[in-house]
Protein backbone atom coordinates (compact mmCIF):
# COMPACT_ATOMS: atom_id res chain seq x y z
CA MET A 1 -4.17 -10.11 -1.11
CA TRP A 2 -6.52 -12.24 -3.13
CA ASP A 3 -10.08 -13.21 -3.30
CA GLU A 4 -11.49 -14.93 -6.42
CA ALA A 5 -14.48 -12.69 -6.24
CA VAL A 6 -12.40 -9.70 -7.45
CA THR A 7 -12.90 -11.14 -10.98
CA ARG A 8 -16.52 -10.02 -10.64
CA TYR A 9 -15.10 -6.57 -11.48
CA ASP A 10 -16.32 -6.95 -15.07
CA PHE A 11 -17.42 -4.32 -17.42
CA GLY A 12 -18.51 -6.92 -20.07
CA PRO A 13 -17.04 -8.94 -22.92
CA SER A 14 -16.24 -6.19 -25.24
CA HIS A 15 -14.48 -4.05 -22.61
CA PRO A 16 -10.66 -3.97 -22.65
CA MET A 17 -10.33 -4.52 -18.76
CA ASP A 18 -10.89 -8.36 -18.94
CA PRO A 19 -10.93 -9.83 -15.50
CA VAL A 20 -9.24 -12.97 -16.82
CA ARG A 21 -6.02 -11.13 -16.48
CA LEU A 22 -6.48 -11.46 -12.62
CA ALA A 23 -7.35 -15.13 -12.78
CA LEU A 24 -4.42 -15.93 -15.02
CA THR A 25 -2.06 -13.92 -12.77
CA MET A 26 -3.13 -15.83 -9.72
CA GLY A 27 -2.88 -19.07 -11.78
CA LEU A 28 0.68 -18.14 -12.76
CA VAL A 29 1.63 -17.26 -9.16
CA ARG A 30 0.34 -20.65 -8.07
CA ALA A 31 2.04 -22.44 -10.90
CA PHE A 32 5.37 -21.21 -9.67
CA GLY A 33 4.53 -22.08 -6.16
CA LEU A 34 4.75 -18.47 -4.95
CA ASP A 35 1.55 -18.84 -2.93
CA ARG A 36 3.41 -21.35 -0.71
CA GLU A 37 6.16 -18.62 -0.07
CA MET A 38 3.83 -16.03 1.50
CA GLU A 39 0.47 -15.63 3.34
CA VAL A 40 -2.38 -15.34 1.00
CA ARG A 41 -5.27 -13.34 2.62
CA ALA A 42 -8.66 -12.20 1.66
CA ALA A 43 -10.19 -9.08 3.04
CA PRO A 44 -13.79 -8.02 3.29
CA GLU A 45 -15.41 -5.24 1.11
CA ALA A 46 -14.42 -1.67 2.18
CA GLY A 47 -17.23 -0.33 4.29
CA GLU A 48 -19.07 3.08 4.05
CA SER A 49 -16.73 4.80 6.52
CA THR A 50 -13.60 3.66 4.79
CA LEU A 51 -14.80 4.49 1.31
CA ARG A 52 -15.70 8.02 2.52
CA LEU A 53 -12.08 8.62 3.43
CA VAL A 54 -11.86 9.64 -0.20
CA HIS A 55 -15.18 9.37 -2.03
CA ARG A 56 -18.22 11.60 -1.38
CA GLU A 57 -21.29 10.21 0.17
CA ASP A 58 -23.43 10.97 -2.95
CA TYR A 59 -21.10 9.17 -5.16
CA VAL A 60 -20.97 6.10 -3.13
CA ALA A 61 -24.91 6.24 -3.07
CA ALA A 62 -24.91 6.46 -6.78
CA VAL A 63 -22.63 3.47 -7.23
CA ARG A 64 -24.80 1.47 -4.90
CA GLU A 65 -27.82 2.39 -7.02
CA VAL A 66 -26.40 1.38 -10.33
CA SER A 67 -25.01 -1.74 -8.83
CA ALA A 68 -28.47 -2.85 -7.85
CA ASP A 69 -30.05 -1.66 -11.26
CA PRO A 70 -27.52 -0.96 -14.01
CA GLY A 71 -30.35 0.30 -16.22
CA VAL A 72 -30.67 3.54 -14.27
CA ALA A 73 -27.05 4.56 -15.14
CA ASP A 74 -27.19 7.60 -17.26
CA GLY A 75 -23.57 8.77 -17.29
CA SER A 76 -23.97 10.73 -14.07
CA TYR A 77 -20.92 10.41 -11.71
CA GLY A 78 -19.10 8.72 -14.74
CA LEU A 79 -21.27 5.55 -14.35
CA GLY A 80 -22.82 3.97 -17.38
CA THR A 81 -20.17 5.47 -19.90
CA MET A 82 -18.23 3.66 -22.48
CA ASP A 83 -15.17 3.59 -20.07
CA ASP A 84 -17.26 2.58 -17.11
CA PRO A 85 -20.41 0.69 -18.02
CA ALA A 86 -22.69 -0.11 -15.15
CA PHE A 87 -22.98 -3.76 -14.05
CA HIS A 88 -24.75 -5.86 -11.43
CA GLY A 89 -22.73 -5.96 -8.26
CA MET A 90 -20.51 -3.04 -9.38
CA HIS A 91 -20.32 -1.62 -5.79
CA GLU A 92 -19.60 -4.94 -4.13
CA ALA A 93 -16.80 -5.90 -6.61
CA SER A 94 -15.31 -2.31 -6.40
CA ALA A 95 -15.48 -2.23 -2.69
CA LEU A 96 -13.98 -5.74 -2.44
CA ILE A 97 -10.83 -4.60 -4.41
CA ALA A 98 -10.49 -1.50 -2.30
CA GLY A 99 -10.84 -3.73 0.80
CA GLN A 100 -7.80 -5.67 -0.23
CA SER A 101 -5.57 -2.69 -0.72
CA VAL A 102 -6.87 -1.09 2.57
CA ALA A 103 -6.17 -4.40 4.49
CA GLY A 104 -2.72 -4.67 2.99
CA ALA A 105 -1.94 -1.23 4.09
CA GLU A 106 -3.12 -2.02 7.69
CA ALA A 107 -1.07 -5.19 7.82
CA LEU A 108 2.08 -3.12 7.05
CA TRP A 109 1.28 -0.36 9.63
CA HIS A 110 0.57 -2.78 12.25
CA GLY A 111 3.71 -4.85 11.69
CA GLU A 112 1.99 -7.96 10.54
CA ALA A 113 3.71 -8.02 7.16
CA GLU A 114 6.67 -6.20 5.45
CA HIS A 115 5.28 -6.24 1.99
CA ALA A 116 1.75 -6.57 0.62
CA VAL A 117 0.56 -7.00 -2.90
CA ASN A 118 -2.87 -6.48 -4.56
CA PHE A 119 -2.48 -6.89 -8.14
CA ALA A 120 -6.29 -6.46 -8.51
CA GLY A 121 -5.83 -2.95 -7.36
CA GLY A 122 -4.24 0.21 -8.63
CA LEU A 123 -7.57 1.58 -9.86
CA HIS A 124 -5.96 5.20 -9.79
CA HIS A 125 -8.34 7.19 -11.98
CA ALA A 126 -11.38 7.14 -9.75
CA MET A 127 -12.11 10.57 -8.22
CA PRO A 128 -13.79 11.57 -5.07
CA GLY A 129 -16.99 12.20 -6.81
CA GLY A 130 -16.93 10.12 -9.95
CA ALA A 131 -15.64 6.99 -11.83
CA ALA A 132 -13.22 7.38 -14.60
CA GLY A 133 -10.88 5.37 -16.77
CA PHE A 134 -12.16 1.89 -15.87
CA CYS A 135 -11.92 2.88 -12.10
CA VAL A 136 -14.92 3.02 -9.76
CA TYR A 137 -13.34 3.18 -6.29
CA ASN A 138 -9.74 4.47 -5.95
CA ASP A 139 -8.27 1.72 -3.88
CA ALA A 140 -4.70 3.26 -3.94
CA ALA A 141 -6.02 6.58 -2.52
CA LEU A 142 -8.26 4.66 0.10
CA ALA A 143 -5.04 2.71 1.23
CA ILE A 144 -3.06 5.87 1.76
CA ALA A 145 -5.95 7.67 3.48
CA ARG A 146 -6.23 4.70 5.83
CA LEU A 147 -2.59 5.01 6.65
CA LEU A 148 -2.89 8.66 7.39
CA GLU A 149 -5.94 7.71 9.60
CA LEU A 150 -3.81 5.20 11.52
CA GLY A 151 -1.14 7.91 12.18
CA ALA A 152 1.27 7.86 9.27
CA GLU A 153 2.94 11.22 8.69
CA ARG A 154 4.52 10.62 5.46
CA VAL A 155 3.41 8.29 2.70
CA ALA A 156 4.88 8.10 -0.70
CA TYR A 157 3.09 6.94 -3.85
CA VAL A 158 4.96 6.01 -7.01
CA ASP A 159 2.85 5.23 -10.08
CA VAL A 160 4.45 3.74 -13.21
CA ASP A 161 1.31 2.98 -15.11
CA VAL A 162 1.35 4.32 -18.75
CA HIS A 163 -1.50 6.70 -17.64
CA HIS A 164 -1.24 9.52 -15.28
CA GLY A 165 -2.23 8.66 -11.67
CA ASP A 166 -4.68 11.56 -11.59
CA GLY A 167 -7.11 10.33 -9.02
CA VAL A 168 -4.49 9.71 -6.34
CA GLN A 169 -2.87 13.06 -7.16
CA ALA A 170 -6.27 14.77 -6.86
CA ALA A 171 -7.15 13.11 -3.38
CA PHE A 172 -3.97 14.50 -1.90
CA TRP A 173 -3.43 17.60 -3.96
CA ASP A 174 -3.08 19.94 -0.88
CA ASP A 175 -1.71 17.41 1.58
CA PRO A 176 1.93 17.65 2.35
CA ARG A 177 1.84 14.28 4.17
CA VAL A 178 1.62 12.43 0.77
CA LEU A 179 4.23 12.63 -2.06
CA THR A 180 2.69 11.45 -5.37
CA VAL A 181 5.07 10.63 -8.22
CA SER A 182 3.65 9.60 -11.63
CA LEU A 183 5.73 8.53 -14.70
CA HIS A 184 3.40 8.28 -17.77
CA GLU A 185 2.84 8.88 -21.41
CA HIS A 186 2.63 12.53 -22.11
CA PRO A 187 -0.89 14.08 -21.78
CA ARG A 188 -0.85 15.31 -25.30
CA THR A 189 -1.22 11.80 -26.62
CA LEU A 190 -3.05 9.79 -23.94
CA PHE A 191 -5.82 9.85 -21.38
CA PRO A 192 -6.55 11.51 -19.01
CA GLN A 193 -4.70 14.53 -20.61
CA THR A 194 -3.29 15.48 -17.17
CA GLY A 195 -0.01 15.00 -15.43
CA TRP A 196 2.00 17.94 -16.72
CA PRO A 197 5.27 18.74 -15.13
CA GLU A 198 3.82 21.97 -13.85
CA GLU A 199 1.22 20.13 -11.73
CA THR A 200 3.22 20.25 -8.47
CA GLY A 201 0.61 20.32 -5.65
CA GLY A 202 -1.77 22.70 -3.93
CA PRO A 203 -0.87 25.88 -1.96
CA ALA A 204 -0.52 24.04 1.23
CA ALA A 205 1.71 21.24 -0.29
CA GLU A 206 3.71 22.72 -3.08
CA GLY A 207 6.16 20.14 -4.41
CA SER A 208 4.08 17.20 -3.22
CA ALA A 209 3.01 16.24 -6.75
CA VAL A 210 5.66 15.13 -9.23
CA ASN A 211 4.85 14.33 -12.97
CA VAL A 212 7.16 12.96 -15.46
CA ALA A 213 5.38 13.10 -18.92
CA LEU A 214 7.20 10.86 -21.34
CA PRO A 215 6.91 11.24 -25.12
CA ALA A 216 5.13 8.40 -27.08
CA GLY A 217 7.52 5.75 -28.10
CA THR A 218 9.77 5.87 -25.02
CA GLY A 219 11.55 2.49 -24.60
CA ASP A 220 13.38 0.64 -21.88
CA GLU A 221 16.40 2.98 -21.46
CA GLY A 222 14.53 6.13 -21.45
CA TRP A 223 11.75 4.80 -19.12
CA LEU A 224 14.41 3.48 -16.67
CA ARG A 225 16.40 6.79 -16.95
CA ALA A 226 13.36 8.76 -16.13
CA PHE A 227 12.51 6.55 -13.00
CA HIS A 228 16.17 6.69 -11.71
CA ALA A 229 16.62 10.41 -12.37
CA THR A 230 13.55 11.29 -10.20
CA VAL A 231 12.21 8.65 -7.80
CA PRO A 232 15.20 7.67 -5.62
CA GLU A 233 16.27 11.26 -4.97
CA LEU A 234 12.68 12.29 -4.06
CA LEU A 235 12.13 9.38 -1.77
CA ALA A 236 15.59 9.94 0.03
CA ASP A 237 14.31 13.60 0.68
CA PHE A 238 10.79 12.78 1.67
CA ARG A 239 11.62 9.71 3.98
CA PRO A 240 8.22 7.97 3.76
CA GLN A 241 7.05 5.66 6.42
CA VAL A 242 5.31 3.53 3.85
CA LEU A 243 5.97 3.22 0.10
CA VAL A 244 2.82 2.56 -2.12
CA THR A 245 3.51 1.75 -5.74
CA GLN A 246 1.11 1.16 -8.78
CA HIS A 247 2.58 -1.21 -11.45
CA GLY A 248 0.17 -1.01 -14.49
CA ALA A 249 1.52 -3.23 -17.19
CA ASP A 250 0.37 -1.02 -19.93
CA THR A 251 3.62 0.67 -20.58
CA HIS A 252 4.54 -2.53 -22.58
CA PHE A 253 5.38 -2.28 -26.31
CA GLU A 254 2.33 -4.78 -27.04
CA ASP A 255 -0.21 -2.89 -25.19
CA PRO A 256 -3.04 -1.90 -27.34
CA LEU A 257 -4.19 1.22 -25.54
CA ALA A 258 -1.03 3.31 -25.29
CA HIS A 259 2.21 4.19 -27.09
CA LEU A 260 5.19 3.46 -24.97
CA ALA A 261 7.70 0.72 -25.89
CA VAL A 262 8.66 -0.78 -22.61
CA SER A 263 9.57 -4.38 -22.12
CA LEU A 264 8.62 -6.86 -19.54
CA ASP A 265 12.19 -6.93 -18.41
CA ALA A 266 12.29 -3.09 -17.75
CA GLN A 267 8.97 -3.46 -15.73
CA ARG A 268 10.71 -6.17 -13.69
CA ALA A 269 13.80 -3.86 -13.12
CA VAL A 270 11.43 -1.10 -11.75
CA GLN A 271 9.55 -3.48 -9.51
CA GLU A 272 13.04 -4.58 -8.13
CA ALA A 273 14.11 -0.86 -7.75
CA CYS A 274 10.79 -0.14 -5.68
CA HIS A 275 11.44 -3.04 -3.61
CA ARG A 276 15.00 -1.84 -2.86
CA LEU A 277 13.76 1.75 -2.24
CA ALA A 278 11.23 0.59 0.08
CA HIS A 279 13.95 -0.88 2.28
CA GLU A 280 16.22 2.05 1.96
CA HIS A 281 13.71 4.82 2.69
CA ALA A 282 10.61 3.29 4.13
CA GLY A 283 11.65 0.70 6.58
CA GLY A 284 10.67 -2.03 4.14
CA ARG A 285 7.08 -1.26 4.32
CA TRP A 286 5.85 -1.61 0.74
CA LEU A 287 2.23 -1.94 -0.71
CA ALA A 288 2.42 -2.92 -4.43
CA LEU A 289 -0.71 -2.63 -6.55
CA GLY A 290 -1.54 -3.70 -10.09
CA GLY A 291 -3.22 -1.21 -12.48
CA GLY A 292 -3.76 -1.18 -16.27
CA GLY A 293 -2.47 -3.64 -18.78
CA TYR A 294 -4.52 -4.94 -21.69
CA SER A 295 -2.21 -7.26 -23.40
CA VAL A 296 -4.03 -9.97 -21.34
CA VAL A 297 -2.20 -13.23 -21.95
CA ASP A 298 1.30 -12.13 -23.30
CA VAL A 299 2.27 -9.61 -20.60
CA VAL A 300 -0.05 -8.94 -17.60
CA PRO A 301 0.16 -12.18 -15.70
CA ARG A 302 4.03 -12.41 -16.29
CA SER A 303 4.62 -8.90 -15.15
CA TRP A 304 2.64 -9.17 -11.96
CA THR A 305 3.82 -12.66 -11.11
CA HIS A 306 7.33 -11.09 -11.17
CA LEU A 307 5.98 -8.39 -8.75
CA VAL A 308 4.55 -10.97 -6.41
CA GLY A 309 7.79 -13.07 -6.54
CA ILE A 310 9.90 -9.93 -5.78
CA ALA A 311 7.68 -8.92 -2.87
CA ALA A 312 7.92 -12.49 -1.49
CA HIS A 313 11.73 -12.46 -1.68
CA ARG A 314 11.47 -15.31 -4.22
CA PRO A 315 11.97 -13.54 -7.62
CA VAL A 316 11.08 -15.60 -10.60
CA ASP A 317 14.05 -16.27 -13.05
CA PRO A 318 13.07 -14.26 -16.14
CA ALA A 319 14.57 -17.13 -18.14
CA ALA A 320 12.27 -19.63 -16.46
CA THR A 321 10.00 -21.87 -18.62
CA VAL A 322 6.32 -21.11 -18.08
CA PRO A 323 4.75 -24.04 -16.32
CA ASP A 324 2.69 -26.35 -18.55
CA ALA A 325 -0.22 -26.18 -16.15
CA TRP A 326 -0.62 -22.49 -16.65
CA ARG A 327 -0.09 -22.73 -20.35
CA ASP A 328 -3.10 -25.19 -20.29
CA GLU A 329 -5.07 -22.66 -18.24
CA VAL A 330 -4.42 -19.96 -20.60
CA TYR A 331 -5.69 -21.89 -23.57
CA ALA A 332 -8.69 -23.16 -21.57
CA ARG A 333 -9.68 -19.60 -20.70
CA THR A 334 -8.80 -17.77 -23.86
CA ARG A 335 -8.02 -20.17 -26.71
CA GLN A 336 -4.73 -18.41 -27.09
CA PRO A 337 -1.21 -19.79 -26.81
CA ALA A 338 0.70 -18.71 -23.67
CA PRO A 339 4.24 -17.24 -23.90
CA ALA A 340 7.06 -19.72 -23.42
CA ARG A 341 9.19 -17.83 -20.95
CA MET A 342 8.96 -15.06 -18.32
CA THR A 343 11.03 -12.69 -20.29
CA ASP A 344 10.86 -10.55 -23.34
CA GLY A 345 14.52 -11.18 -24.11
CA ARG A 346 15.68 -7.54 -23.72
CA ASN A 347 18.49 -6.32 -21.60
CA PRO A 348 17.27 -2.84 -20.52
CA VAL A 349 19.84 -0.26 -19.39
CA TRP A 350 19.87 3.08 -18.09
CA ARG A 351 22.50 5.97 -18.07
CA ASP A 352 23.56 7.78 -15.18
CA TRP A 353 21.48 11.03 -15.24
CA GLU A 354 24.04 13.78 -14.72
CA ALA A 355 26.94 12.12 -16.62
CA GLY A 356 24.70 11.14 -19.64
CA TYR A 357 22.21 14.03 -20.03
CA ASP A 358 21.62 14.66 -23.73
CA PRO A 359 19.71 17.98 -24.37
CA ALA A 360 18.54 16.64 -27.70
CA ASP A 361 16.96 13.50 -26.22
CA ARG A 362 13.09 14.03 -25.72
CA THR A 363 12.95 11.82 -22.80
CA ASP A 364 15.73 13.78 -21.06
CA GLN A 365 13.96 16.87 -21.76
CA ALA A 366 10.78 15.50 -20.16
CA VAL A 367 12.96 14.44 -17.06
CA LEU A 368 14.66 17.99 -16.97
CA ALA A 369 11.17 19.66 -17.15
CA THR A 370 9.88 17.76 -14.09
CA ARG A 371 13.20 18.38 -12.19
CA ARG A 372 13.01 22.26 -12.94
CA ALA A 373 9.20 22.30 -11.93
CA VAL A 374 9.27 20.50 -8.68
CA PHE A 375 12.85 19.85 -7.29
CA PRO A 376 13.28 23.41 -6.26
CA LEU A 377 9.99 23.41 -4.37
CA ARG A 378 11.44 20.67 -2.31
CA GLY A 379 14.99 22.27 -1.80
CA LEU A 380 16.58 19.77 -4.09
CA LEU A 381 17.82 22.41 -6.73
CA THR A 382 18.97 25.77 -6.40
């Protein structure tokens, strides 16, 4: 899913969410010829009825108002804050990103595609009644809500952004049809200060929210271990009809806004795992979204180009040399040199959960806290 106009989602030159990361990602996708290996579609903006599947009417009206006149934004509804400054066309740009995710979900449900990617999406912090954390409309939640409207009975959402997927969790807190799983930096050290293991879902959906809160400094092995110790078992039990995943690249060790130490190579390994799990447990139906990521040149385009390649069944060789045309584009847009290859040069590994559990390991402690909190509610532990 791609429309050049998604780059109009722009909070200004001093904001860390620079839309150049989207343009550079699409440029790298094209440089590797991946756009010729799949259908590239654009979808219209999400309309009022679609937005209201998740967002309140008064909030959508407020976004429209500040979109027309950013000067009226006063912080109400989270609009006009440091995280979410108001800008002209805010509603249109936000609704356009949401429209791409919703259209991708519709294509999966109607059998028009097996996989769909919207790396401009993954704006997982937006709440039903407010903007938060650089997110205005929650495209991930809207895509899931649309799937439910179309008749889906079980949708799984797996979020590996460094920040907790709080907005998606909130949207489906009491809905047993949606399983939300979030692996993120511990709320003690990072926004939005939610995503504790004890957050397991509402009274009608206990066990439908799963949170793995990882200590700052967690690297490849711990991050992969946390993923494989939770996600495959949960998906095998839940048997989703569609898998929606969010691949924020801000877990990377170079990201300026967080404190995990994950490599591009581990991010790619999780993308490959999500692809495999979609085929094992969701009939292959996989909607993959972007998310955070603020090391704009060094990490984000490479990470999401790997995601696109995996979804297209044309994975990019991590040892591949970055095309010269893209390196020129990077310099023209940013005056920065581009990385030479599609890898960080790491060899990420993970240990079998049960055989390798170490009670002194802080990441293992985090995983165990999640398993103890939510797995019994799903009948997976006695």
